[in-house]
N, C-alpha and C. Protein backbone atom coordinates (compact mmCIF):
# COMPACT_ATOMS: atom_id res chain seq x y z
N MET A 1 9.43 12.25 -20.96
CA MET A 1 9.64 11.26 -22.00
C MET A 1 9.22 11.80 -23.37
N GLU A 2 8.18 12.64 -23.39
CA GLU A 2 7.73 13.16 -24.67
C GLU A 2 8.82 13.98 -25.34
N GLY A 3 9.60 14.70 -24.54
CA GLY A 3 10.68 15.51 -25.09
C GLY A 3 11.81 14.67 -25.68
N ARG A 4 11.78 13.40 -25.48
CA ARG A 4 12.82 12.50 -25.98
C ARG A 4 12.41 11.83 -27.29
N GLY A 5 11.33 12.31 -27.89
CA GLY A 5 10.90 11.78 -29.17
C GLY A 5 10.04 10.53 -29.06
N ILE A 6 9.57 10.23 -27.88
CA ILE A 6 8.72 9.05 -27.69
C ILE A 6 7.27 9.50 -27.87
N PRO A 7 6.53 8.87 -28.80
CA PRO A 7 5.13 9.26 -29.01
C PRO A 7 4.30 9.03 -27.74
N PRO A 8 3.37 9.95 -27.46
CA PRO A 8 2.55 9.83 -26.24
C PRO A 8 1.82 8.49 -26.09
N ASN A 9 1.40 7.89 -27.22
CA ASN A 9 0.68 6.61 -27.13
C ASN A 9 1.60 5.45 -26.81
N ARG A 10 2.90 5.70 -26.77
CA ARG A 10 3.86 4.64 -26.42
C ARG A 10 4.49 4.88 -25.05
N ILE A 11 3.90 5.80 -24.27
CA ILE A 11 4.39 6.08 -22.92
C ILE A 11 3.47 5.39 -21.92
N PHE A 12 4.04 4.58 -21.07
CA PHE A 12 3.28 3.85 -20.06
C PHE A 12 3.64 4.45 -18.70
N MET A 13 2.68 5.11 -18.08
CA MET A 13 2.93 5.71 -16.77
C MET A 13 2.16 4.92 -15.72
N GLU A 14 2.90 4.35 -14.79
CA GLU A 14 2.30 3.53 -13.73
C GLU A 14 2.05 4.37 -12.50
N LYS A 15 0.85 4.22 -11.92
CA LYS A 15 0.51 4.95 -10.70
C LYS A 15 0.85 4.12 -9.45
N LEU A 16 0.98 2.82 -9.63
CA LEU A 16 1.26 1.93 -8.50
C LEU A 16 2.75 1.88 -8.20
N SER A 17 3.08 1.43 -7.01
CA SER A 17 4.46 1.30 -6.57
C SER A 17 5.18 0.24 -7.41
N GLY A 18 6.48 0.43 -7.57
CA GLY A 18 7.29 -0.52 -8.32
C GLY A 18 7.68 -1.74 -7.52
N LYS A 19 7.12 -1.91 -6.30
CA LYS A 19 7.52 -3.03 -5.45
C LYS A 19 6.97 -4.36 -5.95
N ASP A 20 6.03 -4.33 -6.88
CA ASP A 20 5.35 -5.54 -7.32
C ASP A 20 5.30 -5.54 -8.85
N ILE A 21 5.55 -6.68 -9.49
CA ILE A 21 5.50 -6.71 -10.94
C ILE A 21 4.07 -6.93 -11.46
N LYS A 22 3.13 -7.14 -10.57
CA LYS A 22 1.72 -7.32 -10.98
C LYS A 22 1.05 -5.95 -11.04
N ARG A 23 1.50 -5.15 -12.02
CA ARG A 23 0.96 -3.80 -12.20
C ARG A 23 0.36 -3.73 -13.60
N PRO A 24 -0.83 -3.17 -13.74
CA PRO A 24 -1.52 -3.18 -15.03
C PRO A 24 -0.72 -2.55 -16.18
N MET A 25 -0.13 -1.40 -15.94
CA MET A 25 0.60 -0.73 -17.02
C MET A 25 1.86 -1.50 -17.39
N LEU A 26 2.53 -2.09 -16.41
CA LEU A 26 3.71 -2.89 -16.70
C LEU A 26 3.32 -4.11 -17.53
N GLN A 27 2.21 -4.75 -17.16
CA GLN A 27 1.75 -5.92 -17.92
C GLN A 27 1.40 -5.53 -19.35
N SER A 28 0.75 -4.37 -19.51
CA SER A 28 0.42 -3.88 -20.86
C SER A 28 1.69 -3.66 -21.67
N LEU A 29 2.68 -3.02 -21.04
CA LEU A 29 3.95 -2.78 -21.71
C LEU A 29 4.59 -4.09 -22.14
N MET A 30 4.65 -5.05 -21.21
CA MET A 30 5.30 -6.33 -21.50
C MET A 30 4.58 -7.08 -22.62
N ASN A 31 3.27 -6.89 -22.73
CA ASN A 31 2.49 -7.57 -23.78
C ASN A 31 2.64 -6.90 -25.14
N ILE A 32 2.88 -5.60 -25.16
CA ILE A 32 2.87 -4.86 -26.42
C ILE A 32 4.24 -4.77 -27.09
N VAL A 33 5.33 -4.85 -26.29
CA VAL A 33 6.67 -4.67 -26.88
C VAL A 33 6.99 -5.82 -27.82
N LYS A 34 7.78 -5.47 -28.84
CA LYS A 34 8.18 -6.48 -29.83
C LYS A 34 9.64 -6.25 -30.22
N LYS A 35 10.18 -7.18 -30.98
CA LYS A 35 11.58 -7.12 -31.38
C LYS A 35 11.89 -5.76 -32.02
N GLY A 36 13.00 -5.18 -31.57
CA GLY A 36 13.43 -3.90 -32.10
C GLY A 36 12.99 -2.70 -31.26
N ASP A 37 12.05 -2.93 -30.34
CA ASP A 37 11.61 -1.84 -29.46
C ASP A 37 12.67 -1.56 -28.39
N ILE A 38 12.57 -0.38 -27.81
CA ILE A 38 13.44 0.01 -26.71
C ILE A 38 12.54 0.47 -25.56
N VAL A 39 12.72 -0.15 -24.40
CA VAL A 39 12.00 0.28 -23.20
C VAL A 39 12.90 1.25 -22.47
N VAL A 40 12.41 2.48 -22.31
CA VAL A 40 13.17 3.52 -21.62
C VAL A 40 12.44 3.83 -20.33
N VAL A 41 13.17 3.71 -19.22
CA VAL A 41 12.58 4.02 -17.91
C VAL A 41 13.34 5.18 -17.29
N GLU A 42 12.63 5.94 -16.45
CA GLU A 42 13.26 7.06 -15.77
C GLU A 42 14.32 6.55 -14.79
N SER A 43 13.97 5.46 -14.06
CA SER A 43 14.87 4.91 -13.05
C SER A 43 14.54 3.43 -12.87
N ILE A 44 15.55 2.62 -12.60
CA ILE A 44 15.27 1.19 -12.41
C ILE A 44 14.41 0.95 -11.18
N SER A 45 14.49 1.84 -10.19
CA SER A 45 13.67 1.66 -8.98
C SER A 45 12.19 1.84 -9.30
N ARG A 46 11.85 2.52 -10.39
CA ARG A 46 10.46 2.68 -10.81
C ARG A 46 10.00 1.49 -11.64
N PHE A 47 10.94 0.76 -12.18
CA PHE A 47 10.61 -0.40 -13.02
C PHE A 47 10.45 -1.65 -12.16
N ALA A 48 11.36 -1.84 -11.21
CA ALA A 48 11.31 -3.00 -10.30
C ALA A 48 12.09 -2.64 -9.04
N ARG A 49 11.67 -3.20 -7.91
CA ARG A 49 12.31 -2.84 -6.64
C ARG A 49 13.25 -3.91 -6.10
N ASN A 50 13.27 -5.07 -6.72
CA ASN A 50 14.23 -6.05 -6.24
C ASN A 50 14.97 -6.67 -7.42
N THR A 51 16.13 -7.19 -7.14
CA THR A 51 17.02 -7.70 -8.18
C THR A 51 16.35 -8.79 -8.99
N ARG A 52 15.70 -9.71 -8.30
CA ARG A 52 15.06 -10.84 -8.98
C ARG A 52 14.05 -10.36 -10.02
N ASP A 53 13.15 -9.43 -9.61
CA ASP A 53 12.12 -8.93 -10.52
C ASP A 53 12.74 -8.16 -11.68
N LEU A 54 13.71 -7.30 -11.38
CA LEU A 54 14.35 -6.51 -12.43
C LEU A 54 15.01 -7.40 -13.46
N LEU A 55 15.81 -8.34 -12.98
CA LEU A 55 16.52 -9.22 -13.91
C LEU A 55 15.55 -10.09 -14.69
N SER A 56 14.47 -10.52 -14.04
CA SER A 56 13.45 -11.32 -14.73
C SER A 56 12.78 -10.51 -15.84
N LEU A 57 12.41 -9.26 -15.52
CA LEU A 57 11.76 -8.41 -16.52
C LEU A 57 12.71 -8.12 -17.69
N VAL A 58 13.96 -7.79 -17.37
CA VAL A 58 14.93 -7.49 -18.42
C VAL A 58 15.20 -8.74 -19.26
N GLU A 59 15.22 -9.91 -18.63
CA GLU A 59 15.42 -11.15 -19.38
C GLU A 59 14.26 -11.41 -20.34
N LYS A 60 13.04 -11.14 -19.89
CA LYS A 60 11.86 -11.30 -20.76
C LYS A 60 11.95 -10.33 -21.94
N LEU A 61 12.37 -9.10 -21.65
CA LEU A 61 12.52 -8.12 -22.73
C LEU A 61 13.60 -8.57 -23.71
N THR A 62 14.72 -9.07 -23.20
CA THR A 62 15.83 -9.52 -24.04
C THR A 62 15.41 -10.67 -24.93
N LYS A 63 14.63 -11.62 -24.37
CA LYS A 63 14.15 -12.77 -25.17
C LYS A 63 13.26 -12.31 -26.31
N LYS A 64 12.56 -11.18 -26.11
CA LYS A 64 11.70 -10.63 -27.16
C LYS A 64 12.49 -9.77 -28.15
N GLY A 65 13.77 -9.57 -27.85
CA GLY A 65 14.58 -8.72 -28.71
C GLY A 65 14.38 -7.23 -28.44
N VAL A 66 14.02 -6.92 -27.19
CA VAL A 66 13.74 -5.55 -26.78
C VAL A 66 14.90 -5.05 -25.92
N GLU A 67 15.35 -3.82 -26.21
CA GLU A 67 16.43 -3.22 -25.44
C GLU A 67 15.86 -2.50 -24.23
N PHE A 68 16.69 -2.33 -23.22
CA PHE A 68 16.27 -1.67 -21.97
C PHE A 68 17.27 -0.56 -21.66
N ILE A 69 16.72 0.64 -21.41
CA ILE A 69 17.57 1.78 -21.06
C ILE A 69 16.98 2.46 -19.83
N SER A 70 17.83 2.72 -18.84
CA SER A 70 17.44 3.49 -17.66
C SER A 70 18.16 4.83 -17.72
N LEU A 71 17.37 5.91 -17.75
CA LEU A 71 17.95 7.25 -17.92
C LEU A 71 18.75 7.70 -16.70
N LYS A 72 18.19 7.50 -15.51
CA LYS A 72 18.84 8.00 -14.30
C LYS A 72 20.20 7.33 -14.08
N GLU A 73 20.24 6.03 -14.27
CA GLU A 73 21.46 5.28 -13.99
C GLU A 73 22.35 5.13 -15.23
N HIS A 74 21.92 5.63 -16.39
CA HIS A 74 22.68 5.54 -17.64
C HIS A 74 23.03 4.09 -17.96
N ILE A 75 22.01 3.25 -17.93
CA ILE A 75 22.22 1.83 -18.20
C ILE A 75 21.60 1.49 -19.55
N ASP A 76 22.38 0.78 -20.36
CA ASP A 76 21.92 0.35 -21.68
C ASP A 76 22.26 -1.13 -21.80
N THR A 77 21.25 -1.99 -21.84
CA THR A 77 21.48 -3.44 -21.82
C THR A 77 21.96 -4.00 -23.16
N THR A 78 22.17 -3.13 -24.12
CA THR A 78 22.70 -3.65 -25.40
C THR A 78 24.20 -3.91 -25.31
N THR A 79 24.82 -3.48 -24.20
CA THR A 79 26.26 -3.70 -24.03
C THR A 79 26.51 -4.59 -22.81
N PRO A 80 27.61 -5.35 -22.82
CA PRO A 80 27.95 -6.19 -21.66
C PRO A 80 28.13 -5.34 -20.39
N THR A 81 28.74 -4.18 -20.53
CA THR A 81 28.95 -3.29 -19.38
C THR A 81 27.60 -2.82 -18.85
N GLY A 82 26.68 -2.54 -19.72
CA GLY A 82 25.34 -2.11 -19.32
C GLY A 82 24.61 -3.20 -18.55
N ARG A 83 24.74 -4.45 -19.03
CA ARG A 83 24.10 -5.57 -18.33
C ARG A 83 24.72 -5.77 -16.95
N PHE A 84 26.05 -5.66 -16.85
CA PHE A 84 26.73 -5.78 -15.56
C PHE A 84 26.31 -4.66 -14.62
N THR A 85 26.29 -3.45 -15.12
CA THR A 85 25.90 -2.29 -14.31
C THR A 85 24.46 -2.44 -13.83
N LEU A 86 23.60 -2.96 -14.70
CA LEU A 86 22.20 -3.17 -14.34
C LEU A 86 22.09 -4.11 -13.14
N THR A 87 22.86 -5.19 -13.15
CA THR A 87 22.83 -6.14 -12.05
C THR A 87 23.29 -5.49 -10.75
N ILE A 88 24.34 -4.69 -10.81
CA ILE A 88 24.85 -4.01 -9.61
C ILE A 88 23.82 -3.02 -9.09
N PHE A 89 23.26 -2.19 -9.97
CA PHE A 89 22.27 -1.21 -9.55
C PHE A 89 21.02 -1.87 -8.98
N ALA A 90 20.62 -2.98 -9.56
CA ALA A 90 19.44 -3.68 -9.05
C ALA A 90 19.68 -4.17 -7.63
N ALA A 91 20.88 -4.69 -7.37
CA ALA A 91 21.21 -5.17 -6.02
C ALA A 91 21.23 -4.01 -5.03
N VAL A 92 21.77 -2.87 -5.44
CA VAL A 92 21.81 -1.70 -4.56
C VAL A 92 20.39 -1.19 -4.29
N ALA A 93 19.55 -1.16 -5.32
CA ALA A 93 18.16 -0.69 -5.15
C ALA A 93 17.40 -1.59 -4.19
N GLU A 94 17.63 -2.90 -4.30
CA GLU A 94 16.96 -3.84 -3.40
C GLU A 94 17.46 -3.65 -1.96
N LEU A 95 18.75 -3.47 -1.79
CA LEU A 95 19.31 -3.24 -0.46
C LEU A 95 18.74 -1.96 0.15
N GLU A 96 18.66 -0.92 -0.65
CA GLU A 96 18.12 0.36 -0.17
C GLU A 96 16.65 0.19 0.24
N ARG A 97 15.87 -0.50 -0.55
CA ARG A 97 14.45 -0.74 -0.22
C ARG A 97 14.34 -1.53 1.08
N ASP A 98 15.17 -2.57 1.24
CA ASP A 98 15.15 -3.36 2.48
C ASP A 98 15.50 -2.51 3.69
N HIS A 99 16.47 -1.62 3.53
CA HIS A 99 16.85 -0.73 4.64
C HIS A 99 15.71 0.22 4.99
N ILE A 100 15.04 0.75 3.99
CA ILE A 100 13.90 1.64 4.23
C ILE A 100 12.81 0.91 5.01
N LEU A 101 12.48 -0.31 4.58
CA LEU A 101 11.44 -1.09 5.27
C LEU A 101 11.86 -1.42 6.70
N GLN A 102 13.14 -1.74 6.90
CA GLN A 102 13.64 -2.05 8.23
C GLN A 102 13.55 -0.82 9.14
N ARG A 103 13.97 0.34 8.63
CA ARG A 103 13.89 1.57 9.43
C ARG A 103 12.44 1.93 9.73
N GLN A 104 11.58 1.71 8.77
CA GLN A 104 10.15 2.00 8.98
C GLN A 104 9.60 1.11 10.09
N ALA A 105 9.90 -0.18 10.05
CA ALA A 105 9.43 -1.11 11.08
C ALA A 105 9.98 -0.73 12.45
N GLU A 106 11.26 -0.34 12.50
CA GLU A 106 11.86 0.08 13.76
C GLU A 106 11.18 1.34 14.29
N GLY A 107 10.88 2.28 13.40
CA GLY A 107 10.21 3.52 13.79
C GLY A 107 8.82 3.26 14.33
N ILE A 108 8.09 2.37 13.68
CA ILE A 108 6.74 2.02 14.15
C ILE A 108 6.81 1.35 15.51
N SER A 109 7.77 0.44 15.68
CA SER A 109 7.93 -0.25 16.95
C SER A 109 8.28 0.73 18.07
N ALA A 110 9.18 1.65 17.79
CA ALA A 110 9.57 2.64 18.80
C ALA A 110 8.39 3.54 19.16
N ALA A 111 7.63 3.93 18.15
CA ALA A 111 6.46 4.79 18.40
C ALA A 111 5.43 4.05 19.25
N ARG A 112 5.20 2.77 18.95
CA ARG A 112 4.24 1.99 19.74
C ARG A 112 4.71 1.85 21.18
N SER A 113 6.01 1.67 21.39
CA SER A 113 6.53 1.55 22.76
C SER A 113 6.38 2.86 23.53
N ARG A 114 6.33 3.99 22.81
CA ARG A 114 6.09 5.28 23.45
C ARG A 114 4.59 5.54 23.64
N GLY A 115 3.76 4.61 23.20
CA GLY A 115 2.32 4.75 23.39
C GLY A 115 1.58 5.41 22.24
N VAL A 116 2.26 5.61 21.11
CA VAL A 116 1.61 6.21 19.95
C VAL A 116 0.64 5.19 19.36
N ARG A 117 -0.57 5.66 19.10
CA ARG A 117 -1.59 4.80 18.49
C ARG A 117 -1.69 5.12 17.01
N PHE A 118 -1.84 4.10 16.21
CA PHE A 118 -1.99 4.27 14.77
C PHE A 118 -3.43 4.03 14.39
N GLY A 119 -3.84 4.58 13.27
CA GLY A 119 -5.20 4.38 12.79
C GLY A 119 -6.11 5.51 13.22
N ARG A 120 -7.37 5.32 12.91
CA ARG A 120 -8.35 6.35 13.25
C ARG A 120 -8.54 6.42 14.75
N PRO A 121 -8.81 7.63 15.26
CA PRO A 121 -9.08 7.75 16.69
C PRO A 121 -10.40 7.05 17.04
N VAL A 122 -10.45 6.50 18.25
CA VAL A 122 -11.65 5.80 18.71
C VAL A 122 -12.70 6.84 19.07
N LYS A 123 -13.90 6.65 18.52
CA LYS A 123 -15.01 7.56 18.83
C LYS A 123 -15.71 7.02 20.07
N LYS A 124 -15.66 7.80 21.12
CA LYS A 124 -16.26 7.41 22.40
C LYS A 124 -17.77 7.65 22.37
N PRO A 125 -18.52 6.78 23.04
CA PRO A 125 -19.96 7.02 23.14
C PRO A 125 -20.22 8.17 24.12
N PRO A 126 -21.38 8.81 24.03
CA PRO A 126 -21.67 9.91 24.96
C PRO A 126 -21.86 9.39 26.38
N GLU A 127 -21.82 10.31 27.34
CA GLU A 127 -21.96 9.95 28.76
C GLU A 127 -23.28 9.24 29.04
N ASN A 128 -24.34 9.61 28.32
CA ASN A 128 -25.65 9.02 28.57
C ASN A 128 -25.92 7.80 27.69
N PHE A 129 -24.85 7.12 27.26
CA PHE A 129 -24.99 5.97 26.36
C PHE A 129 -25.86 4.88 26.99
N ALA A 130 -25.63 4.58 28.25
CA ALA A 130 -26.41 3.52 28.92
C ALA A 130 -27.89 3.86 28.92
N ASN A 131 -28.21 5.08 29.19
CA ASN A 131 -29.61 5.52 29.21
C ASN A 131 -30.23 5.42 27.80
N LEU A 132 -29.47 5.84 26.79
CA LEU A 132 -29.96 5.77 25.41
C LEU A 132 -30.19 4.32 24.98
N VAL A 133 -29.29 3.43 25.38
CA VAL A 133 -29.43 2.02 25.05
C VAL A 133 -30.69 1.45 25.68
N LYS A 134 -30.91 1.78 26.93
CA LYS A 134 -32.13 1.29 27.62
C LYS A 134 -33.38 1.77 26.90
N GLN A 135 -33.39 3.05 26.48
CA GLN A 135 -34.55 3.57 25.76
C GLN A 135 -34.74 2.86 24.43
N TRP A 136 -33.63 2.59 23.75
CA TRP A 136 -33.68 1.90 22.46
C TRP A 136 -34.18 0.47 22.64
N GLU A 137 -33.68 -0.22 23.68
CA GLU A 137 -34.10 -1.60 23.93
C GLU A 137 -35.59 -1.67 24.29
N ARG A 138 -36.11 -0.65 24.92
CA ARG A 138 -37.53 -0.63 25.28
C ARG A 138 -38.41 -0.13 24.13
N GLY A 139 -37.81 0.23 23.01
CA GLY A 139 -38.58 0.68 21.85
C GLY A 139 -38.95 2.15 21.90
N LYS A 140 -38.39 2.90 22.81
CA LYS A 140 -38.71 4.32 22.92
C LYS A 140 -37.88 5.16 21.94
N LEU A 141 -36.80 4.59 21.44
CA LEU A 141 -35.97 5.26 20.44
C LEU A 141 -35.81 4.35 19.22
N SER A 142 -35.93 4.92 18.03
CA SER A 142 -35.67 4.14 16.82
C SER A 142 -34.16 4.00 16.65
N PHE A 143 -33.77 3.09 15.78
CA PHE A 143 -32.34 2.87 15.55
C PHE A 143 -31.70 4.12 14.96
N SER A 144 -32.37 4.73 14.00
CA SER A 144 -31.79 5.94 13.39
C SER A 144 -31.68 7.07 14.42
N GLU A 145 -32.63 7.13 15.36
CA GLU A 145 -32.61 8.17 16.39
C GLU A 145 -31.45 7.94 17.37
N ILE A 146 -31.20 6.69 17.73
CA ILE A 146 -30.09 6.43 18.66
C ILE A 146 -28.75 6.72 17.99
N LEU A 147 -28.65 6.43 16.69
CA LEU A 147 -27.41 6.75 15.96
C LEU A 147 -27.21 8.26 15.94
N LYS A 148 -28.28 8.99 15.72
CA LYS A 148 -28.20 10.45 15.68
C LYS A 148 -27.80 11.01 17.04
N GLN A 149 -28.40 10.49 18.10
CA GLN A 149 -28.12 11.02 19.44
C GLN A 149 -26.74 10.63 19.96
N THR A 150 -26.26 9.45 19.57
CA THR A 150 -24.92 9.04 20.02
C THR A 150 -23.83 9.62 19.14
N GLY A 151 -24.19 9.95 17.90
CA GLY A 151 -23.18 10.46 16.97
C GLY A 151 -22.28 9.38 16.41
N LEU A 152 -22.72 8.13 16.53
CA LEU A 152 -21.92 7.00 16.07
C LEU A 152 -22.48 6.46 14.75
N LYS A 153 -21.62 5.86 13.96
CA LYS A 153 -22.05 5.11 12.78
C LYS A 153 -22.56 3.76 13.27
N GLU A 154 -23.25 3.05 12.39
CA GLU A 154 -23.88 1.78 12.77
C GLU A 154 -22.86 0.78 13.34
N SER A 155 -21.75 0.58 12.63
CA SER A 155 -20.76 -0.40 13.10
C SER A 155 -20.15 0.02 14.44
N SER A 156 -19.89 1.32 14.60
CA SER A 156 -19.34 1.82 15.87
C SER A 156 -20.35 1.65 17.00
N PHE A 157 -21.62 1.90 16.68
CA PHE A 157 -22.65 1.75 17.71
C PHE A 157 -22.70 0.31 18.21
N TYR A 158 -22.72 -0.64 17.28
CA TYR A 158 -22.78 -2.05 17.70
C TYR A 158 -21.53 -2.47 18.47
N ARG A 159 -20.36 -1.93 18.08
CA ARG A 159 -19.13 -2.23 18.81
C ARG A 159 -19.22 -1.70 20.24
N ARG A 160 -19.65 -0.44 20.37
CA ARG A 160 -19.79 0.16 21.71
C ARG A 160 -20.87 -0.55 22.52
N LEU A 161 -21.96 -0.99 21.88
CA LEU A 161 -23.03 -1.73 22.55
C LEU A 161 -22.49 -3.05 23.09
N ARG A 162 -21.68 -3.75 22.27
CA ARG A 162 -21.08 -5.02 22.70
C ARG A 162 -20.16 -4.78 23.90
N GLU A 163 -19.35 -3.72 23.83
CA GLU A 163 -18.47 -3.38 24.96
C GLU A 163 -19.28 -3.03 26.20
N TYR A 164 -20.33 -2.27 26.03
CA TYR A 164 -21.19 -1.87 27.14
C TYR A 164 -21.82 -3.10 27.80
N ARG A 165 -22.35 -4.00 26.98
CA ARG A 165 -22.99 -5.20 27.53
C ARG A 165 -21.98 -6.10 28.23
N THR A 166 -20.77 -6.18 27.70
CA THR A 166 -19.72 -7.00 28.32
C THR A 166 -19.34 -6.43 29.68
N THR A 167 -19.12 -5.14 29.75
CA THR A 167 -18.74 -4.52 31.03
C THR A 167 -19.90 -4.55 32.01
N LYS A 168 -21.11 -4.42 31.50
CA LYS A 168 -22.30 -4.43 32.35
C LYS A 168 -22.45 -5.80 33.01
N GLN A 169 -22.16 -6.88 32.29
CA GLN A 169 -22.28 -8.22 32.83
C GLN A 169 -21.20 -8.52 33.86
N THR A 170 -20.00 -8.02 33.62
CA THR A 170 -18.90 -8.31 34.56
C THR A 170 -19.00 -7.48 35.83
N VAL A 171 -19.73 -6.36 35.79
CA VAL A 171 -19.82 -5.47 36.95
C VAL A 171 -21.00 -5.84 37.85
N LYS A 172 -21.90 -6.69 37.37
CA LYS A 172 -23.09 -7.05 38.15
C LYS A 172 -22.70 -7.59 39.53
N LYS A 173 -23.44 -7.14 40.51
CA LYS A 173 -23.18 -7.60 41.88
C LYS A 173 -23.94 -8.91 42.10
N PRO A 174 -23.35 -9.79 42.88
CA PRO A 174 -24.06 -11.05 43.16
C PRO A 174 -25.32 -10.81 44.02
N THR A 175 -26.35 -11.55 43.71
CA THR A 175 -27.59 -11.44 44.50
C THR A 175 -27.66 -12.60 45.46
N PHE A 176 -28.08 -12.32 46.69
CA PHE A 176 -28.17 -13.36 47.72
C PHE A 176 -29.60 -13.63 48.06
């Protein structure tokens, strides 16, 4: 953008995804623009990801007397053809985003059906976990010492302790 004669202090670069209009840099841009300004974006998909948001943002800019230009799609809203093209491109961008999300959901579902697990791997307690717990419960091990010996973080330790106590109670043999 700098090579296009736009001063660096007038360039708004957003780090967040364009899927949501609640983005700090976009809000700053919308608050600072005034009549006669031109908003130039690299691509409409970076400005907004669905037709409703794009048209809403462009309408707000138009009401302020601000022009909108998308470099990638060669759209200029100062012309009727540009406004029509903008509407078509916005609909296509939204359709493409919906297809991506649908394929992603299908891929995740297929992976789960194949047994693929998502997220961090489960950290298993050591083989001598029961013995360490007994020592800790009797006061022979401090809490920091049991964490060190099990290699677990505090939250993981309590989760494994809860699981251990649950399985220990269900496995108890009846006394006669």
